[in-house]
Protein backbone atom coordinates (compact mmCIF):
# COMPACT_ATOMS: atom_id res chain seq x y z
CA MET A 1 35.59 -35.81 -66.90
CA THR A 2 35.56 -35.75 -70.60
CA VAL A 3 33.17 -38.46 -71.70
CA GLU A 4 34.20 -40.20 -74.22
CA LYS A 5 31.74 -43.09 -74.48
CA SER A 6 28.38 -44.10 -73.28
CA PRO A 7 28.67 -44.72 -69.59
CA GLU A 8 26.19 -47.67 -70.12
CA ASP A 9 29.26 -49.27 -71.66
CA TYR A 10 32.59 -50.78 -70.02
CA TRP A 11 34.41 -48.06 -68.37
CA GLN A 12 38.10 -50.23 -67.42
CA ALA A 13 38.66 -49.27 -63.79
CA ASN A 14 41.72 -47.74 -62.72
CA ASP A 15 43.84 -48.00 -59.21
CA HIS A 16 41.01 -46.40 -57.36
CA PRO A 17 40.10 -49.95 -54.64
CA ARG A 18 36.72 -49.49 -54.80
CA TRP A 19 35.90 -48.50 -58.72
CA ASN A 20 32.42 -48.47 -59.44
CA GLN A 21 29.76 -48.65 -62.41
CA SER A 22 26.65 -48.37 -60.87
CA VAL A 23 23.30 -47.89 -62.52
CA TYR A 24 19.60 -46.83 -61.10
CA PHE A 25 16.24 -47.24 -61.06
CA ASN A 26 13.14 -45.68 -58.96
CA PHE A 27 9.76 -45.07 -59.76
CA TYR A 28 6.86 -44.24 -58.26
CA ASP A 29 2.43 -44.48 -59.38
CA PRO A 30 0.28 -43.05 -56.43
CA ALA A 31 -3.00 -44.43 -59.79
CA GLN A 32 -1.43 -47.73 -57.89
CA ARG A 33 0.36 -45.95 -54.73
CA ILE A 34 3.37 -48.65 -56.49
CA GLY A 35 6.95 -47.46 -56.15
CA CYS A 36 10.24 -49.42 -56.69
CA PHE A 37 14.14 -48.93 -55.64
CA ILE A 38 16.74 -50.95 -57.91
CA ARG A 39 20.31 -50.46 -58.17
CA VAL A 40 23.24 -52.27 -60.48
CA GLY A 41 26.54 -51.94 -58.98
CA ILE A 42 30.06 -53.53 -59.90
CA LEU A 43 33.57 -53.01 -58.31
CA GLU A 44 35.49 -53.88 -60.47
CA ASN A 45 39.09 -54.06 -58.58
CA LEU A 46 36.87 -56.51 -56.08
CA GLY A 47 35.31 -58.33 -57.30
CA GLU A 48 31.97 -57.47 -56.80
CA THR A 49 29.17 -57.09 -57.61
CA ASN A 50 25.52 -54.87 -55.35
CA SER A 51 22.27 -55.65 -55.75
CA TRP A 52 18.37 -53.28 -55.43
CA PHE A 53 15.93 -55.10 -56.06
CA VAL A 54 13.02 -53.47 -53.85
CA PHE A 55 9.19 -53.10 -54.70
CA PHE A 56 6.32 -51.53 -52.55
CA ARG A 57 2.52 -51.00 -52.15
CA ASP A 58 0.62 -48.50 -49.97
CA GLY A 59 3.84 -47.78 -47.61
CA LYS A 60 4.53 -51.59 -47.16
CA PRO A 61 7.38 -54.00 -49.22
CA LEU A 62 5.59 -56.17 -52.35
CA PHE A 63 9.05 -57.74 -52.69
CA ASN A 64 12.46 -58.02 -52.29
CA ARG A 65 15.64 -58.84 -53.20
CA THR A 66 18.82 -57.39 -52.36
CA ASN A 67 22.36 -58.42 -52.79
CA MET A 68 25.50 -57.06 -51.68
CA ASN A 69 27.98 -58.99 -52.36
CA LEU A 70 27.10 -61.04 -55.70
CA PRO A 71 30.18 -62.05 -58.56
CA TYR A 72 31.67 -59.72 -60.47
CA ALA A 73 29.24 -59.48 -63.01
CA ALA A 74 31.53 -58.57 -66.58
CA THR A 75 28.66 -56.50 -68.84
CA ARG A 76 26.99 -53.97 -68.78
CA LEU A 77 23.80 -52.25 -69.88
CA GLY A 78 24.84 -50.97 -72.66
CA LEU A 79 26.67 -54.13 -73.76
CA GLY A 80 25.59 -57.20 -75.75
CA ASP A 81 22.06 -58.16 -74.09
CA GLY A 82 22.04 -56.06 -71.57
CA LEU A 83 22.72 -57.38 -67.78
CA GLU A 84 21.68 -60.07 -66.15
CA VAL A 85 21.87 -60.05 -61.87
CA ALA A 86 19.90 -61.64 -59.29
CA GLY A 87 17.28 -62.48 -61.69
CA MET A 88 16.66 -59.08 -63.42
CA ARG A 89 17.76 -58.71 -66.05
CA LEU A 90 18.37 -54.45 -67.39
CA ARG A 91 18.48 -54.06 -70.98
CA SER A 92 19.84 -50.59 -73.23
CA ILE A 93 17.06 -50.39 -75.45
CA GLU A 94 18.28 -46.73 -76.51
CA PRO A 95 21.31 -44.82 -75.95
CA LEU A 96 21.19 -43.46 -72.52
CA SER A 97 16.99 -42.50 -72.93
CA LYS A 98 15.26 -45.60 -72.98
CA ALA A 99 15.78 -48.91 -70.79
CA HIS A 100 13.78 -52.27 -70.34
CA ILE A 101 13.84 -54.15 -67.01
CA THR A 102 12.67 -57.67 -66.62
CA PHE A 103 12.31 -60.27 -63.84
CA ASP A 104 10.12 -63.44 -63.65
CA GLU A 105 10.31 -65.86 -61.15
CA ARG A 106 6.90 -67.73 -59.16
CA ASP A 107 6.43 -65.68 -57.05
CA PHE A 108 6.82 -61.86 -58.88
CA LYS A 109 7.14 -60.50 -62.48
CA VAL A 110 8.02 -57.02 -64.31
CA ASP A 111 8.09 -56.18 -67.10
CA LEU A 112 9.04 -52.65 -67.26
CA THR A 113 9.86 -49.46 -69.94
CA TRP A 114 12.08 -46.63 -68.01
CA ASP A 115 11.35 -43.42 -71.15
CA ALA A 116 13.17 -40.10 -71.08
CA ILE A 117 11.59 -36.93 -70.40
CA LEU A 118 14.42 -35.04 -69.41
CA PRO A 119 17.65 -35.81 -70.78
CA MET A 120 19.79 -37.19 -68.70
CA GLN A 121 22.50 -35.25 -67.70
CA ASP A 122 26.08 -35.59 -65.45
CA ALA A 123 25.69 -33.60 -62.25
CA ILE A 124 28.88 -33.84 -61.73
CA HIS A 125 29.86 -31.66 -64.17
CA LEU A 126 27.28 -28.46 -63.71
CA SER A 127 27.55 -28.86 -59.94
CA ASP A 128 31.03 -27.31 -61.49
CA ALA A 129 32.52 -27.93 -58.52
CA GLY A 130 36.21 -29.08 -59.30
CA ALA A 131 38.12 -32.17 -60.01
CA GLU A 132 39.29 -32.36 -55.54
CA ASP A 133 35.40 -31.29 -54.87
CA ALA A 134 34.64 -34.65 -52.59
CA PHE A 135 31.96 -36.22 -54.95
CA ALA A 136 33.32 -36.24 -57.90
CA LYS A 137 37.28 -37.43 -56.35
CA GLU A 138 35.63 -40.86 -54.23
CA ILE A 139 32.15 -41.10 -55.14
CA ALA A 140 31.56 -40.70 -58.92
CA HIS A 141 33.80 -38.89 -61.70
CA ILE A 142 31.15 -39.51 -64.03
CA HIS A 143 27.13 -38.92 -62.33
CA MET A 144 23.98 -38.53 -65.06
CA GLU A 145 21.00 -38.82 -63.71
CA GLY A 146 17.28 -37.65 -65.60
CA THR A 147 13.44 -37.92 -65.63
CA CYS A 148 11.55 -40.71 -67.33
CA ARG A 149 7.89 -41.72 -67.66
CA VAL A 150 7.87 -45.64 -66.99
CA THR A 151 5.71 -48.03 -68.05
CA GLY A 152 4.68 -51.82 -67.88
CA THR A 153 3.21 -54.38 -65.74
CA ILE A 154 3.86 -56.06 -62.68
CA THR A 155 2.50 -59.81 -61.78
CA LEU A 156 2.32 -60.94 -58.30
CA ALA A 157 2.35 -65.01 -56.72
CA ASP A 158 -1.87 -64.96 -56.51
CA GLY A 159 -2.09 -63.77 -60.26
CA GLU A 160 -2.64 -60.50 -60.55
CA THR A 161 -1.05 -57.58 -62.84
CA ILE A 162 -0.76 -54.47 -61.91
CA ALA A 163 -0.50 -51.75 -65.75
CA ILE A 164 1.96 -49.27 -64.31
CA ASP A 165 2.23 -45.31 -65.92
CA GLY A 166 4.29 -43.17 -63.87
CA LYS A 167 7.45 -41.26 -63.64
CA GLY A 168 11.30 -42.15 -62.12
CA PHE A 169 14.47 -40.99 -61.64
CA ARG A 170 17.29 -43.31 -63.28
CA ASP A 171 20.62 -42.31 -62.80
CA ILE A 172 24.09 -43.93 -63.94
CA ALA A 173 27.51 -43.66 -62.57
CA VAL A 174 31.19 -44.33 -63.28
CA GLY A 175 34.20 -43.80 -60.86
CA PRO A 176 35.08 -44.15 -57.99
CA ARG A 177 32.17 -45.14 -55.15
CA ASN A 178 34.43 -44.95 -51.76
CA TRP A 179 31.32 -44.40 -49.02
CA ASP A 180 34.26 -43.52 -46.54
CA PHE A 181 35.75 -40.35 -47.87
CA LEU A 182 31.38 -39.94 -46.53
CA ARG A 183 30.52 -38.70 -42.76
CA HIS A 184 26.63 -38.22 -43.45
CA TYR A 185 24.47 -36.94 -47.19
CA ARG A 186 20.49 -36.17 -47.97
CA LEU A 187 19.43 -36.33 -51.24
CA ALA A 188 15.85 -35.12 -52.69
CA TRP A 189 15.39 -35.85 -56.04
CA PRO A 190 11.25 -34.76 -57.28
CA ILE A 191 9.24 -34.77 -59.44
CA PHE A 192 6.34 -32.50 -60.10
CA ASP A 193 2.97 -31.98 -61.99
CA ASN A 194 3.45 -28.93 -63.55
CA GLY A 195 7.35 -30.38 -64.68
CA LEU A 196 9.51 -29.15 -62.33
CA SER A 197 12.38 -31.57 -61.59
CA ILE A 198 15.65 -31.78 -58.54
CA VAL A 199 18.29 -32.81 -58.08
CA SER A 200 19.98 -31.74 -55.63
CA THR A 201 22.67 -33.65 -53.37
CA HIS A 202 23.77 -32.23 -50.45
CA GLY A 203 27.20 -34.89 -48.76
CA ILE A 204 29.26 -33.66 -46.13
CA SER A 205 32.99 -35.61 -46.00
CA THR A 206 34.39 -37.29 -43.62
CA ASN A 207 37.25 -33.89 -43.04
CA GLY A 208 34.00 -31.53 -42.34
CA ASP A 209 33.70 -30.48 -46.28
CA ASP A 210 30.33 -29.33 -47.64
CA ALA A 211 30.37 -31.31 -50.94
CA TYR A 212 26.83 -31.49 -53.71
CA ILE A 213 25.28 -32.07 -56.50
CA LYS A 214 23.05 -29.98 -58.39
CA MET A 215 20.56 -29.32 -61.02
CA VAL A 216 16.82 -28.17 -61.65
CA GLY A 217 14.75 -30.02 -65.15
CA LYS A 218 12.93 -27.08 -66.64
CA GLY A 219 11.45 -25.92 -69.89
CA GLY A 220 12.87 -29.33 -71.29
CA LYS A 221 16.36 -29.13 -70.15
CA TRP A 222 19.07 -29.17 -66.70
CA ILE A 223 20.50 -25.69 -65.92
CA GLY A 224 22.18 -25.50 -62.34
CA VAL A 225 21.85 -24.49 -58.84
CA THR A 226 23.54 -21.86 -56.77
CA ALA A 227 22.00 -22.32 -52.99
CA ILE A 228 20.79 -24.94 -51.81
CA GLU A 229 18.71 -25.15 -47.97
CA ASP A 230 18.04 -28.44 -46.76
CA ARG A 231 16.22 -29.35 -43.02
CA ASN A 232 15.35 -33.00 -43.22
CA ILE A 233 12.86 -34.05 -39.89
CA TYR A 234 14.44 -37.38 -38.44
CA GLU A 235 11.85 -40.00 -36.53
CA ALA A 236 13.43 -40.88 -32.79
CA ASP A 237 15.95 -43.45 -34.64
CA GLY A 238 17.48 -40.55 -36.69
CA MET A 239 17.21 -41.94 -39.67
CA THR A 240 14.45 -42.30 -41.35
CA LEU A 241 12.72 -39.25 -43.05
CA LYS A 242 9.78 -38.47 -41.55
CA GLY A 243 9.98 -34.81 -43.36
CA MET A 244 11.98 -32.49 -45.99
CA ASP A 245 12.32 -28.89 -45.89
CA TRP A 246 14.31 -27.47 -48.16
CA ARG A 247 14.60 -24.72 -50.67
CA VAL A 248 16.87 -25.02 -54.02
CA THR A 249 17.77 -21.47 -55.78
CA ASP A 250 18.16 -22.37 -58.99
CA ALA A 251 21.03 -20.07 -61.79
CA ASP A 252 17.64 -18.76 -63.07
CA GLY A 253 17.30 -17.33 -59.30
CA ASP A 254 14.63 -19.24 -59.27
CA VAL A 255 13.58 -20.24 -56.04
CA HIS A 256 12.17 -23.52 -55.21
CA ALA A 257 10.80 -24.25 -51.39
CA PHE A 258 9.15 -26.90 -50.40
CA THR A 259 7.92 -29.79 -48.19
CA ALA A 260 7.81 -33.31 -48.11
CA ARG A 261 6.63 -36.32 -46.57
CA ARG A 262 7.21 -39.96 -45.77
CA LEU A 263 5.53 -42.45 -48.00
CA TYR A 264 7.77 -46.12 -47.51
CA CYS A 265 11.45 -46.71 -46.01
CA TRP A 266 13.82 -49.07 -46.79
CA THR A 267 17.96 -49.60 -44.93
CA PHE A 268 20.84 -50.28 -47.62
CA PRO A 269 23.39 -51.78 -45.68
CA LEU A 270 27.20 -50.74 -46.83
CA ASP A 271 29.34 -52.46 -43.91
CA THR A 272 30.82 -48.97 -42.22
CA PHE A 273 27.82 -47.15 -44.05
CA ALA A 274 24.44 -47.59 -44.52
CA LEU A 275 21.44 -46.17 -47.15
CA THR A 276 17.82 -44.87 -45.95
CA GLU A 277 16.22 -45.30 -48.65
CA HIS A 278 12.49 -43.05 -48.73
CA MET A 279 9.58 -42.58 -51.43
CA MET A 280 8.96 -39.29 -51.02
CA GLU A 281 5.43 -37.68 -51.45
CA TYR A 282 7.16 -33.54 -52.66
CA THR A 283 4.58 -29.91 -51.49
CA LEU A 284 5.64 -26.82 -54.09
CA ALA A 285 4.55 -23.75 -51.74
CA ASP A 286 2.26 -23.32 -54.12
CA GLY A 287 0.51 -26.61 -52.90
CA THR A 288 2.01 -28.29 -56.78
CA LYS A 289 2.32 -32.48 -55.71
CA GLY A 290 5.09 -34.49 -56.85
CA TYR A 291 6.69 -37.42 -55.96
CA GLY A 292 10.30 -38.83 -56.14
CA LEU A 293 14.35 -40.04 -54.12
CA GLY A 294 14.66 -38.92 -50.44
CA GLU A 295 17.82 -40.81 -49.43
CA CYS A 296 20.09 -40.20 -46.34
CA GLY A 297 24.30 -41.28 -45.71
CA PHE A 298 24.99 -42.78 -42.61
CA ARG A 299 28.53 -43.45 -41.11
CA PHE A 300 29.74 -46.31 -38.77
CA PRO A 301 30.33 -45.61 -35.97
CA TRP A 302 27.39 -42.98 -36.20
CA ALA A 303 29.22 -39.96 -36.88
CA GLY A 304 25.69 -37.56 -36.82
CA ASN A 305 23.12 -36.82 -39.85
CA GLY A 306 23.59 -33.77 -40.39
CA GLU A 307 21.03 -32.27 -37.76
CA ASP A 308 21.71 -33.42 -34.27
């Protein structure tokens, strides 16, 4: 899909009932052992908005506000004063490069900035799977990801103010968001201490087709991926990640083998689908550490986790 304008702006919905515009932000600060998952999804044709605002420390919840069926939000990240949803204010400071998120209530306050490390790249386009690919057709026409340095402060109800200096991903999506098209998917988005970043998502559609969103960030740019070997290790519930053992081969022929262990998990319900959102500590084969998202999606009634 040709990007005719910034995905941070308003894009008029087509006739897909689940037309979506969404923004997503995460980070982890290993020094403070604090991280977050933030998302706003706007479903114009359904007249709905959903939002996540989840923070954690030392593997335990710090603050959680999740709203899965709010009224429609007419604003967008890059328009005017940005998005104001469920107490959050999200604004684009520099298009596709810097974003600012604030939250100011009695029990929890946030003032954080996501500043690009690697530029945002449309991973759907770079994955080059064609218009009939399950992700491109039913999950997003545009799905831009980028890595960021995340700085600012978090203030707790007791007055403790915590300085944040971590790293995280952000993404912006435009197009359908039809979870009913997926049986299962799994995702690894590590940011390693040596500068390597990976976007690796494997989906299985309800008709059994495999689909991928995939790219590797190195040398200051994003390049394509030629192969993904993904194995998840689940807890007894079959939905919570215990660990990961993946291999990603990039377009230069470099193989990036890594394992991961869970630092935190939260579940987001979507009626007949659910996401388990994990912050993971990643380790490359040479011992290099990194942190980032590990995410899984599951269809109900239970349709499997890709390993069962």
